[in-house]
Amino acid sequence: MEQRHFAVLVVGAGASGLGAAIRLSRAGAGDLAVLEKADALGGTWRDNTYPGCACDVPSALYSYSFAPNPEWTRAFAGQAEIRAYLRDTAARFGVTGKIRYGVEVTRAQWNDRDARWELETSRGPYSARILVAGTGPWHEPLIPDLPGLDGFPGEVFHSARWNHGYDLTGKRVAVIGTGASAVQFVPEIVPRVERLHLFQRTAQWVLPKPDHPVPAVERLLLRRFPVLQRALRAAEYGLLETLGFGFRHPWLLRQVQKIGLAHLRRSVRDPVLRRKLTPDYTLGCKRLLMSNTYYRALTESTVDVHGTAVRAVAGSRVLGADGSAAEVDAIIFGTGFHILDMPVSARVFDAGGRSLDDHWKGSPQAYAGTTVAGFPNLYLLLGPSLGTGHSSAFTIVEAQLRHTVAAVTRTLRSERTSLAVRPEAQAAFNADVQAALPGTVYQSGGCSSYYTDVNGRNSFSWPFSTGRLRAQVGEFREADYEVTTS
């Protein structure tokens, strides 16, 4: 009979979920399974296959510290290579066999009496003493509710659900949204389409991308001498931390803006187009973007940049809020994801039947971005208030995993122990974060971003250094938890 109860269940087989499975297994949590709703691992890097999809963090940093990869072929790795790295790492550390594919968690509720999580899934019930949510915030595509979209006669898809079966050659295409994905795929499709209409609600800061192929001889040296790889990782971390200092001292980022303006001037000669593409807020207020080809692509004669939001769709016409319109055959959304209203928060319930959504009321909060008062033995990876504008998600996840592994190890020492973060510890952590945010570029940069939730609170960003994140989030303080043995 198939095993249905585990000591630990991890939800999601992306970078965070796989990291959790590896670290927990190595710490002795052998009775563990990973539930993955898709038919393959990879998470974000499985779902996003749009043309030009690549990392915007240097490859040497975009990996687990315990599994460095000397084989990256570019300074900023592409999607296929990152997904292959995740697949190879899962196999190397023996967790591939722990993944159960095609199992979507539809509901998880804490059972106080039995001190365990009870899950409803697409493949029947599961239960576990400990639940680790590795579902991440870059998961569920955000498609705006545009009037008339349902009546559009052409092709419609989101960049994270790219329709590779639809040939864009010779088509008139509207791209709605100019975030990180659009900056990567727009230059790739411009040469193929008949005409591209880019609807840009807000101009983005786009810096040159210091990307380049990694020569075979360099890869050989990194493979032969791991110390070189550690040195490269440390150097890249140091460079990004220097940039991170600017996020906490916005006047420094206004100096970095000069690089972005020079990049724009060099790439776009037309003063009218350049004005449309010039941001009116401080660099870093929104997610930092890098590209060597985006601006140049927008200067092509087949591209129209509409400096406006989209108001509606009328038949095959996309209507801008400024009165402009475009007749198109296809609409591609580059509008990002449900970041602060993650679908998982509507599926996880406390013992009384209240969901994370009910607790949060639109403003996600957790202790160290990882545990939530009222939800014993639950660990959220890439949770609220841990987002940085400059560093690697792997750095954040590994800090959380140090905390999680220590807590789980403590829990598994006895049969019916549960750990629940104390409400006052959670409140103190979040008060500290919120008090520091106004001085950062995230709050004072003069923009509207996905960092801000529906209540106007920044529930996404970490306002301190990554070093502090690693120390503070990575530390498990038992005094901050209520330990219950039933």
Protein backbone atom coordinates (compact mmCIF):
# COMPACT_ATOMS: atom_id res chain seq x y z
CA MET A 1 0.00 0.00 0.00
CA GLU A 2 1.30 3.46 -0.94
CA GLN A 3 2.69 5.43 2.01
CA ARG A 4 0.46 8.35 2.89
CA HIS A 5 1.85 9.60 6.22
CA PHE A 6 5.33 11.10 6.50
CA ALA A 7 7.40 12.85 9.09
CA VAL A 8 7.99 15.67 6.59
CA LEU A 9 6.15 16.69 3.43
CA VAL A 10 7.66 19.31 1.10
CA VAL A 11 5.28 20.97 -1.37
CA GLY A 12 6.92 21.95 -4.65
CA ALA A 13 9.94 20.62 -6.53
CA GLY A 14 11.51 23.91 -7.55
CA ALA A 15 14.76 25.36 -6.26
CA SER A 16 13.45 25.95 -2.72
CA GLY A 17 11.59 22.64 -2.37
CA LEU A 18 14.52 20.60 -3.70
CA GLY A 19 16.90 22.47 -1.40
CA ALA A 20 14.63 21.63 1.54
CA ALA A 21 14.45 17.95 0.57
CA ILE A 22 18.24 17.74 0.26
CA ARG A 23 19.06 19.58 3.48
CA LEU A 24 16.41 17.82 5.59
CA SER A 25 17.36 14.38 4.24
CA ARG A 26 21.03 15.03 5.04
CA ALA A 27 20.02 16.12 8.55
CA GLY A 28 18.35 12.76 9.17
CA ALA A 29 14.73 13.41 8.16
CA GLY A 30 14.59 10.28 6.01
CA ASP A 31 10.81 9.85 6.18
CA LEU A 32 10.18 12.61 3.66
CA ALA A 33 8.36 13.11 0.37
CA VAL A 34 8.07 15.99 -2.09
CA LEU A 35 4.63 16.64 -3.62
CA GLU A 36 4.82 18.24 -7.07
CA LYS A 37 1.69 19.07 -9.03
CA ALA A 38 3.45 19.05 -12.42
CA ASP A 39 5.01 16.08 -14.18
CA ALA A 40 8.59 17.36 -13.85
CA LEU A 41 10.77 19.25 -11.37
CA GLY A 42 12.17 22.75 -11.83
CA GLY A 43 9.49 25.17 -10.59
CA THR A 44 10.00 28.61 -12.12
CA TRP A 45 12.65 27.22 -14.44
CA ARG A 46 10.31 24.51 -15.68
CA ASP A 47 7.40 26.89 -16.30
CA ASN A 48 9.23 29.80 -17.90
CA THR A 49 10.43 28.71 -21.33
CA TYR A 50 9.89 31.95 -23.23
CA PRO A 51 12.54 32.94 -25.81
CA GLY A 52 15.58 34.51 -24.12
CA CYS A 53 14.67 33.27 -20.62
CA ALA A 54 17.77 33.56 -18.42
CA CYS A 55 18.93 34.43 -14.94
CA ASP A 56 19.52 38.05 -13.94
CA VAL A 57 21.86 37.04 -11.09
CA PRO A 58 25.41 35.84 -11.91
CA SER A 59 25.44 32.07 -12.40
CA ALA A 60 28.13 31.41 -9.79
CA LEU A 61 25.78 32.83 -7.15
CA TYR A 62 22.63 31.29 -8.60
CA SER A 63 23.23 27.85 -7.14
CA TYR A 64 23.28 26.03 -3.82
CA SER A 65 26.42 26.72 -1.80
CA PHE A 66 26.64 22.98 -1.10
CA ALA A 67 26.44 22.13 -4.82
CA PRO A 68 28.58 24.62 -6.77
CA ASN A 69 28.46 24.24 -10.53
CA PRO A 70 31.70 24.78 -12.48
CA GLU A 71 29.96 24.03 -15.78
CA TRP A 72 27.94 27.22 -16.35
CA THR A 73 28.54 28.21 -19.97
CA ARG A 74 27.56 31.85 -19.48
CA ALA A 75 28.12 34.43 -16.76
CA PHE A 76 24.29 34.63 -16.54
CA ALA A 77 22.91 31.16 -17.22
CA GLY A 78 19.92 30.45 -19.46
CA GLN A 79 16.72 28.67 -18.44
CA ALA A 80 17.57 25.23 -19.87
CA GLU A 81 20.94 25.18 -18.12
CA ILE A 82 19.47 26.20 -14.76
CA ARG A 83 16.77 23.56 -14.99
CA ALA A 84 19.37 20.93 -15.89
CA TYR A 85 21.41 22.02 -12.84
CA LEU A 86 18.38 21.53 -10.56
CA ARG A 87 17.66 18.13 -12.10
CA ASP A 88 21.29 16.99 -11.77
CA THR A 89 21.58 18.27 -8.20
CA ALA A 90 18.40 16.47 -7.12
CA ALA A 91 19.75 13.23 -8.61
CA ARG A 92 23.22 13.72 -7.13
CA PHE A 93 21.82 14.13 -3.60
CA GLY A 94 19.36 11.28 -3.94
CA VAL A 95 16.06 13.15 -3.63
CA THR A 96 14.66 12.50 -7.11
CA GLY A 97 13.06 9.27 -5.88
CA LYS A 98 11.28 11.18 -3.10
CA ILE A 99 9.28 13.31 -5.56
CA ARG A 100 5.66 12.36 -6.22
CA TYR A 101 4.59 13.98 -9.48
CA GLY A 102 1.04 14.93 -10.42
CA VAL A 103 0.06 15.55 -6.78
CA GLU A 104 -1.50 18.98 -6.32
CA VAL A 105 -2.23 20.08 -2.77
CA THR A 106 -5.71 21.59 -2.65
CA ARG A 107 -5.99 21.97 1.13
CA ALA A 108 -3.73 21.52 4.17
CA GLN A 109 -5.07 21.84 7.72
CA TRP A 110 -3.37 21.46 11.08
CA ASN A 111 -4.89 18.80 13.33
CA ASP A 112 -4.24 19.90 16.90
CA ARG A 113 -5.33 16.66 18.50
CA ASP A 114 -2.97 14.46 16.47
CA ALA A 115 -0.30 17.16 16.05
CA ARG A 116 -0.04 16.74 12.30
CA TRP A 117 -0.88 18.31 8.98
CA GLU A 118 -3.72 16.71 7.01
CA LEU A 119 -3.63 17.31 3.27
CA GLU A 120 -6.19 16.94 0.54
CA THR A 121 -4.58 16.46 -2.87
CA SER A 122 -5.49 15.59 -6.44
CA ARG A 123 -4.30 12.06 -5.63
CA GLY A 124 -6.04 11.56 -2.31
CA PRO A 125 -5.16 12.34 1.31
CA TYR A 126 -1.68 12.73 2.80
CA SER A 127 -0.53 13.69 6.27
CA ALA A 128 2.72 14.78 7.90
CA ARG A 129 4.05 16.04 11.19
CA ILE A 130 5.89 18.85 9.41
CA LEU A 131 4.91 20.76 6.27
CA VAL A 132 7.40 22.78 4.20
CA ALA A 133 5.91 25.00 1.49
CA GLY A 134 8.39 25.46 -1.34
CA THR A 135 5.83 26.90 -3.73
CA GLY A 136 7.53 30.28 -4.14
CA PRO A 137 6.15 33.65 -5.20
CA TRP A 138 7.10 33.46 -8.92
CA HIS A 139 4.63 30.74 -9.68
CA GLU A 140 1.09 31.75 -10.60
CA PRO A 141 0.92 34.11 -13.63
CA LEU A 142 -0.85 37.43 -13.06
CA ILE A 143 -3.16 38.29 -15.96
CA PRO A 144 -4.98 41.61 -15.64
CA ASP A 145 -8.77 41.54 -15.82
CA LEU A 146 -9.15 43.58 -19.01
CA PRO A 147 -12.65 44.35 -20.30
CA GLY A 148 -13.19 42.60 -23.64
CA LEU A 149 -10.25 40.18 -23.33
CA ASP A 150 -12.57 37.16 -23.49
CA GLY A 151 -13.80 38.32 -26.88
CA PHE A 152 -10.33 38.69 -28.45
CA PRO A 153 -10.33 36.47 -31.58
CA GLY A 154 -6.56 35.89 -31.69
CA GLU A 155 -3.97 34.09 -29.57
CA VAL A 156 -3.48 35.06 -25.89
CA PHE A 157 -0.86 33.76 -23.48
CA HIS A 158 1.35 34.78 -20.54
CA SER A 159 5.15 34.68 -20.81
CA ALA A 160 5.23 31.95 -18.12
CA ARG A 161 2.90 29.79 -20.22
CA TRP A 162 4.54 30.45 -23.58
CA ASN A 163 2.71 28.85 -26.50
CA HIS A 164 5.57 27.39 -28.54
CA GLY A 165 3.02 25.90 -30.96
CA TYR A 166 1.95 29.36 -32.12
CA ASP A 167 4.13 30.77 -34.88
CA LEU A 168 4.70 34.50 -34.35
CA THR A 169 6.24 34.93 -37.80
CA GLY A 170 4.53 37.75 -39.66
CA LYS A 171 2.03 38.39 -36.86
CA ARG A 172 0.98 41.68 -35.29
CA VAL A 173 1.66 41.27 -31.58
CA ALA A 174 0.76 43.30 -28.50
CA VAL A 175 3.05 42.85 -25.51
CA ILE A 176 1.45 44.06 -22.30
CA GLY A 177 3.89 44.67 -19.45
CA THR A 178 7.58 45.56 -19.40
CA GLY A 179 9.01 43.63 -16.45
CA ALA A 180 11.92 41.21 -16.28
CA SER A 181 10.38 38.64 -18.65
CA ALA A 182 9.41 41.14 -21.35
CA VAL A 183 12.88 42.69 -21.30
CA GLN A 184 14.22 39.25 -22.20
CA PHE A 185 11.68 37.98 -24.74
CA VAL A 186 10.89 41.20 -26.65
CA PRO A 187 14.33 41.36 -28.38
CA GLU A 188 13.95 37.68 -29.31
CA ILE A 189 10.60 38.04 -31.08
CA VAL A 190 11.02 41.47 -32.74
CA PRO A 191 12.88 40.01 -35.76
CA ARG A 192 10.05 37.54 -36.40
CA VAL A 193 6.88 39.58 -36.03
CA GLU A 194 5.36 41.91 -38.62
CA ARG A 195 4.70 44.53 -35.97
CA LEU A 196 5.10 44.68 -32.22
CA HIS A 197 3.09 47.03 -30.01
CA LEU A 198 4.63 47.35 -26.55
CA PHE A 199 2.26 48.72 -23.90
CA GLN A 200 4.37 50.17 -21.11
CA ARG A 201 2.55 51.48 -18.05
CA THR A 202 5.81 52.52 -16.37
CA ALA A 203 9.26 53.00 -17.87
CA GLN A 204 11.87 50.64 -16.40
CA TRP A 205 15.47 51.18 -15.44
CA VAL A 206 17.51 48.84 -17.65
CA LEU A 207 21.24 48.53 -17.02
CA PRO A 208 23.79 46.91 -19.36
CA LYS A 209 24.14 43.19 -18.63
CA PRO A 210 27.75 42.06 -18.05
CA ASP A 211 27.03 38.70 -19.66
CA HIS A 212 29.52 36.67 -21.68
CA PRO A 213 30.29 33.06 -22.57
CA VAL A 214 32.50 31.25 -20.04
CA PRO A 215 35.49 29.82 -21.95
CA ALA A 216 36.12 26.07 -21.70
CA VAL A 217 39.51 26.69 -20.10
CA GLU A 218 37.88 28.72 -17.31
CA ARG A 219 35.36 25.95 -16.68
CA LEU A 220 38.21 23.45 -16.54
CA LEU A 221 40.06 25.53 -13.94
CA LEU A 222 36.90 25.93 -11.84
CA ARG A 223 36.36 22.17 -12.02
CA ARG A 224 39.95 21.33 -11.07
CA PHE A 225 40.38 23.97 -8.38
CA PRO A 226 37.23 24.40 -6.27
CA VAL A 227 38.95 27.21 -4.35
CA LEU A 228 38.72 29.32 -7.52
CA GLN A 229 35.01 28.72 -7.67
CA ARG A 230 34.59 29.76 -4.05
CA ALA A 231 36.63 32.89 -4.76
CA LEU A 232 34.47 33.75 -7.79
CA ARG A 233 31.30 33.27 -5.77
CA ALA A 234 32.67 35.44 -2.95
CA ALA A 235 33.71 38.17 -5.40
CA GLU A 236 30.30 38.25 -7.07
CA TYR A 237 28.58 38.25 -3.67
CA GLY A 238 30.74 41.20 -2.61
CA LEU A 239 29.91 43.17 -5.76
CA LEU A 240 26.20 42.62 -5.32
CA GLU A 241 26.39 43.53 -1.63
CA THR A 242 28.03 46.82 -2.63
CA LEU A 243 25.04 47.45 -4.87
CA GLY A 244 22.78 46.34 -2.00
CA PHE A 245 24.28 49.06 0.19
CA GLY A 246 22.78 51.53 -2.28
CA PHE A 247 19.31 50.06 -1.78
CA ARG A 248 19.58 51.18 1.84
CA HIS A 249 21.15 54.53 0.88
CA PRO A 250 19.17 55.63 -2.22
CA TRP A 251 21.41 58.65 -2.97
CA LEU A 252 24.05 56.13 -4.11
CA LEU A 253 21.64 54.50 -6.54
CA ARG A 254 20.98 57.90 -8.09
CA GLN A 255 24.65 57.80 -9.11
CA VAL A 256 24.20 54.30 -10.60
CA GLN A 257 21.25 55.70 -12.57
CA LYS A 258 23.76 57.60 -14.68
CA ILE A 259 24.90 54.26 -16.12
CA GLY A 260 21.29 53.45 -17.03
CA LEU A 261 20.77 56.87 -18.64
CA ALA A 262 24.01 56.54 -20.62
CA HIS A 263 22.92 53.07 -21.75
CA LEU A 264 19.57 54.52 -22.88
CA ARG A 265 21.18 57.47 -24.69
CA ARG A 266 23.66 55.21 -26.47
CA SER A 267 20.96 52.74 -27.56
CA VAL A 268 18.07 55.09 -28.42
CA ARG A 269 18.80 58.14 -30.59
CA ASP A 270 15.19 59.23 -31.11
CA PRO A 271 14.47 61.84 -28.38
CA VAL A 272 10.71 61.14 -28.36
CA LEU A 273 11.18 57.41 -27.82
CA ARG A 274 13.94 58.09 -25.30
CA ARG A 275 11.59 60.29 -23.28
CA LYS A 276 9.02 57.46 -23.18
CA LEU A 277 11.68 55.07 -21.92
CA THR A 278 13.12 57.37 -19.22
CA PRO A 279 11.93 56.41 -15.70
CA ASP A 280 10.78 59.11 -13.28
CA TYR A 281 11.70 57.26 -10.06
CA THR A 282 14.90 56.12 -8.37
CA LEU A 283 16.62 53.02 -9.71
CA GLY A 284 15.98 50.03 -7.42
CA CYS A 285 12.46 51.11 -6.44
CA LYS A 286 11.27 48.41 -8.84
CA ARG A 287 13.05 45.18 -9.67
CA LEU A 288 16.43 45.87 -11.26
CA LEU A 289 16.56 44.88 -14.95
CA MET A 290 19.54 44.23 -17.21
CA SER A 291 19.74 43.80 -20.97
CA ASN A 292 22.11 44.62 -23.81
CA THR A 293 19.43 44.18 -26.50
CA TYR A 294 16.10 45.50 -25.15
CA TYR A 295 16.50 49.20 -25.92
CA ARG A 296 17.98 48.47 -29.32
CA ALA A 297 15.01 46.21 -30.19
CA LEU A 298 12.58 49.04 -29.40
CA THR A 299 14.25 51.28 -31.99
CA GLU A 300 13.31 48.92 -34.84
CA SER A 301 10.89 50.36 -37.40
CA THR A 302 8.48 47.48 -36.73
CA VAL A 303 8.06 48.39 -33.03
CA ASP A 304 5.62 50.89 -31.51
CA VAL A 305 6.07 51.80 -27.85
CA HIS A 306 2.82 52.90 -26.23
CA GLY A 307 3.70 54.72 -23.02
CA THR A 308 0.40 53.83 -21.38
CA ALA A 309 -1.50 51.17 -19.51
CA VAL A 310 -4.09 49.10 -21.37
CA ARG A 311 -7.70 50.14 -20.81
CA ALA A 312 -9.56 47.38 -22.63
CA VAL A 313 -9.67 45.03 -25.59
CA ALA A 314 -12.26 45.61 -28.31
CA GLY A 315 -12.42 42.80 -30.83
CA SER A 316 -8.91 42.50 -32.22
CA ARG A 317 -7.90 45.97 -30.98
CA VAL A 318 -5.95 46.65 -27.80
CA LEU A 319 -6.93 50.04 -26.36
CA GLY A 320 -4.49 52.15 -24.37
CA ALA A 321 -5.57 54.36 -21.48
CA ASP A 322 -4.20 57.34 -23.41
CA GLY A 323 -6.54 56.75 -26.36
CA SER A 324 -4.04 54.86 -28.53
CA ALA A 325 -5.03 51.56 -30.14
CA ALA A 326 -3.39 48.63 -31.90
CA GLU A 327 -4.93 46.03 -34.20
CA VAL A 328 -3.20 42.73 -33.39
CA ASP A 329 -3.27 38.99 -34.01
CA ALA A 330 -1.82 37.98 -30.63
CA ILE A 331 -1.49 39.31 -27.09
CA ILE A 332 1.41 38.29 -24.86
CA PHE A 333 1.31 39.24 -21.18
CA GLY A 334 4.58 40.05 -19.46
CA THR A 335 2.72 41.09 -16.33
CA GLY A 336 4.48 39.01 -13.69
CA PHE A 337 3.04 36.82 -10.95
CA HIS A 338 0.81 36.66 -7.87
CA ILE A 339 3.66 37.64 -5.55
CA LEU A 340 1.97 38.73 -2.32
CA ASP A 341 -1.32 36.91 -2.90
CA MET A 342 0.29 33.51 -3.41
CA PRO A 343 -2.28 30.76 -4.12
CA VAL A 344 -0.81 28.60 -1.31
CA SER A 345 -2.05 31.08 1.30
CA ALA A 346 -5.67 30.24 0.46
CA ARG A 347 -5.00 26.50 0.84
CA VAL A 348 -3.26 26.29 4.22
CA PHE A 349 -5.48 26.36 7.34
CA ASP A 350 -4.92 26.47 11.08
CA ALA A 351 -6.63 24.08 13.51
CA GLY A 352 -9.72 26.32 13.63
CA GLY A 353 -10.17 26.37 9.86
CA ARG A 354 -8.79 29.86 9.22
CA SER A 355 -6.46 30.14 6.23
CA LEU A 356 -3.22 32.06 5.97
CA ASP A 357 -5.23 34.53 3.86
CA ASP A 358 -7.67 34.98 6.74
CA HIS A 359 -4.81 35.69 9.15
CA TRP A 360 -2.94 38.01 6.82
CA LYS A 361 -5.89 40.02 5.44
CA GLY A 362 -3.83 41.06 2.41
CA SER A 363 -0.56 41.75 4.28
CA PRO A 364 1.55 38.57 4.58
CA GLN A 365 3.61 38.32 7.76
CA ALA A 366 5.90 35.64 9.16
CA TYR A 367 8.65 35.32 11.73
CA ALA A 368 12.00 35.45 9.91
CA GLY A 369 9.89 35.16 6.75
CA THR A 370 9.57 31.47 7.59
CA THR A 371 7.07 30.57 10.33
CA VAL A 372 3.61 31.93 11.11
CA ALA A 373 1.92 32.25 14.50
CA GLY A 374 -1.02 29.85 14.75
CA PHE A 375 0.45 27.41 12.21
CA PRO A 376 2.64 24.88 14.08
CA ASN A 377 5.26 22.86 12.19
CA LEU A 378 4.77 24.92 9.01
CA TYR A 379 7.74 26.45 7.17
CA LEU A 380 7.35 28.87 4.24
CA LEU A 381 10.31 29.17 1.87
CA LEU A 382 10.83 32.51 0.08
CA GLY A 383 8.22 33.88 2.46
CA PRO A 384 7.22 37.49 3.17
CA SER A 385 9.69 40.31 3.95
CA LEU A 386 12.74 38.47 2.63
CA GLY A 387 12.96 39.82 -0.93
CA THR A 388 16.14 41.62 -1.91
CA GLY A 389 16.56 43.78 -4.97
CA HIS A 390 20.07 42.64 -5.71
CA SER A 391 20.93 39.16 -4.43
CA SER A 392 20.24 35.50 -5.21
CA ALA A 393 17.11 33.63 -4.14
CA PHE A 394 19.41 30.74 -3.23
CA THR A 395 21.02 32.90 -0.54
CA ILE A 396 17.62 33.58 1.02
CA VAL A 397 16.46 29.95 0.81
CA GLU A 398 19.66 28.60 2.37
CA ALA A 399 19.34 30.98 5.33
CA GLN A 400 15.76 29.80 5.83
CA LEU A 401 16.82 26.17 5.52
CA ARG A 402 19.37 26.52 8.32
CA HIS A 403 16.54 27.78 10.52
CA THR A 404 14.11 25.12 9.26
CA VAL A 405 16.51 22.19 9.64
CA ALA A 406 17.31 23.18 13.23
CA ALA A 407 13.60 23.51 14.06
CA VAL A 408 12.64 20.24 12.35
CA THR A 409 15.50 18.36 14.02
CA ARG A 410 14.28 19.68 17.39
CA THR A 411 10.70 18.60 16.57
CA LEU A 412 11.60 15.10 15.46
CA ARG A 413 13.39 14.29 18.72
CA SER A 414 10.10 13.17 20.24
CA GLU A 415 7.04 11.61 18.66
CA ARG A 416 4.34 14.25 19.20
CA THR A 417 6.20 17.52 19.51
CA SER A 418 5.09 20.64 17.66
CA LEU A 419 6.73 24.05 17.37
CA ALA A 420 4.69 27.22 16.93
CA VAL A 421 6.30 30.64 16.73
CA ARG A 422 5.19 32.98 19.50
CA PRO A 423 2.97 35.84 18.24
CA GLU A 424 5.12 38.39 20.07
CA ALA A 425 8.29 37.13 18.34
CA GLN A 426 6.58 37.41 14.95
CA ALA A 427 5.28 40.89 15.76
CA ALA A 428 8.73 42.07 16.91
CA PHE A 429 10.42 40.76 13.76
CA ASN A 430 7.91 42.49 11.48
CA ALA A 431 7.97 45.74 13.45
CA ASP A 432 11.75 45.80 13.03
CA VAL A 433 11.46 45.25 9.28
CA GLN A 434 8.70 47.83 8.79
CA ALA A 435 10.59 50.45 10.84
CA ALA A 436 13.63 50.11 8.58
CA LEU A 437 11.82 50.11 5.21
CA PRO A 438 11.08 53.87 4.88
CA GLY A 439 14.79 54.62 4.54
CA THR A 440 15.23 52.20 1.65
CA VAL A 441 14.75 52.81 -2.04
CA TYR A 442 11.83 50.35 -1.98
CA GLN A 443 9.81 52.90 -0.01
CA SER A 444 11.39 56.23 -0.88
CA GLY A 445 12.12 55.69 -4.57
CA GLY A 446 8.87 57.22 -5.81
CA CYS A 447 7.35 54.27 -7.66
CA SER A 448 4.54 51.75 -7.40
CA SER A 449 5.78 48.13 -7.38
CA TYR A 450 4.73 44.58 -6.63
CA TYR A 451 6.57 44.93 -3.32
CA THR A 452 3.50 46.75 -1.97
CA ASP A 453 0.44 44.73 -0.96
CA VAL A 454 -3.26 45.63 -1.28
CA ASN A 455 -3.14 47.49 2.05
CA GLY A 456 -0.26 49.71 0.93
CA ARG A 457 2.29 47.88 3.08
CA ASN A 458 5.60 46.57 1.76
CA SER A 459 5.31 42.88 2.61
CA PHE A 460 8.02 41.75 0.23
CA SER A 461 11.31 43.50 0.88
CA TRP A 462 14.16 42.89 3.31
CA PRO A 463 15.53 46.32 4.37
CA PHE A 464 18.89 45.20 5.78
CA SER A 465 22.06 43.60 4.40
CA THR A 466 22.15 40.05 3.07
CA GLY A 467 24.73 39.31 5.77
CA ARG A 468 22.17 40.23 8.41
CA LEU A 469 19.56 38.13 6.60
CA ARG A 470 21.82 35.09 6.68
CA ALA A 471 22.56 35.58 10.39
CA GLN A 472 19.11 36.58 11.64
CA VAL A 473 16.89 34.41 9.44
CA GLY A 474 19.31 31.49 9.66
CA GLU A 475 19.26 31.41 13.46
CA PHE A 476 16.77 29.11 15.18
CA ARG A 477 15.99 30.55 18.62
CA GLU A 478 13.93 28.03 20.54
CA ALA A 479 12.90 30.75 23.01
CA ASP A 480 10.88 32.35 20.20
CA TYR A 481 8.84 29.17 19.81
CA GLU A 482 6.21 27.49 21.91
CA VAL A 483 7.16 23.80 22.19
CA THR A 484 4.20 21.50 22.75
CA THR A 485 4.35 17.76 23.42
CA SER A 486 0.89 16.23 23.38
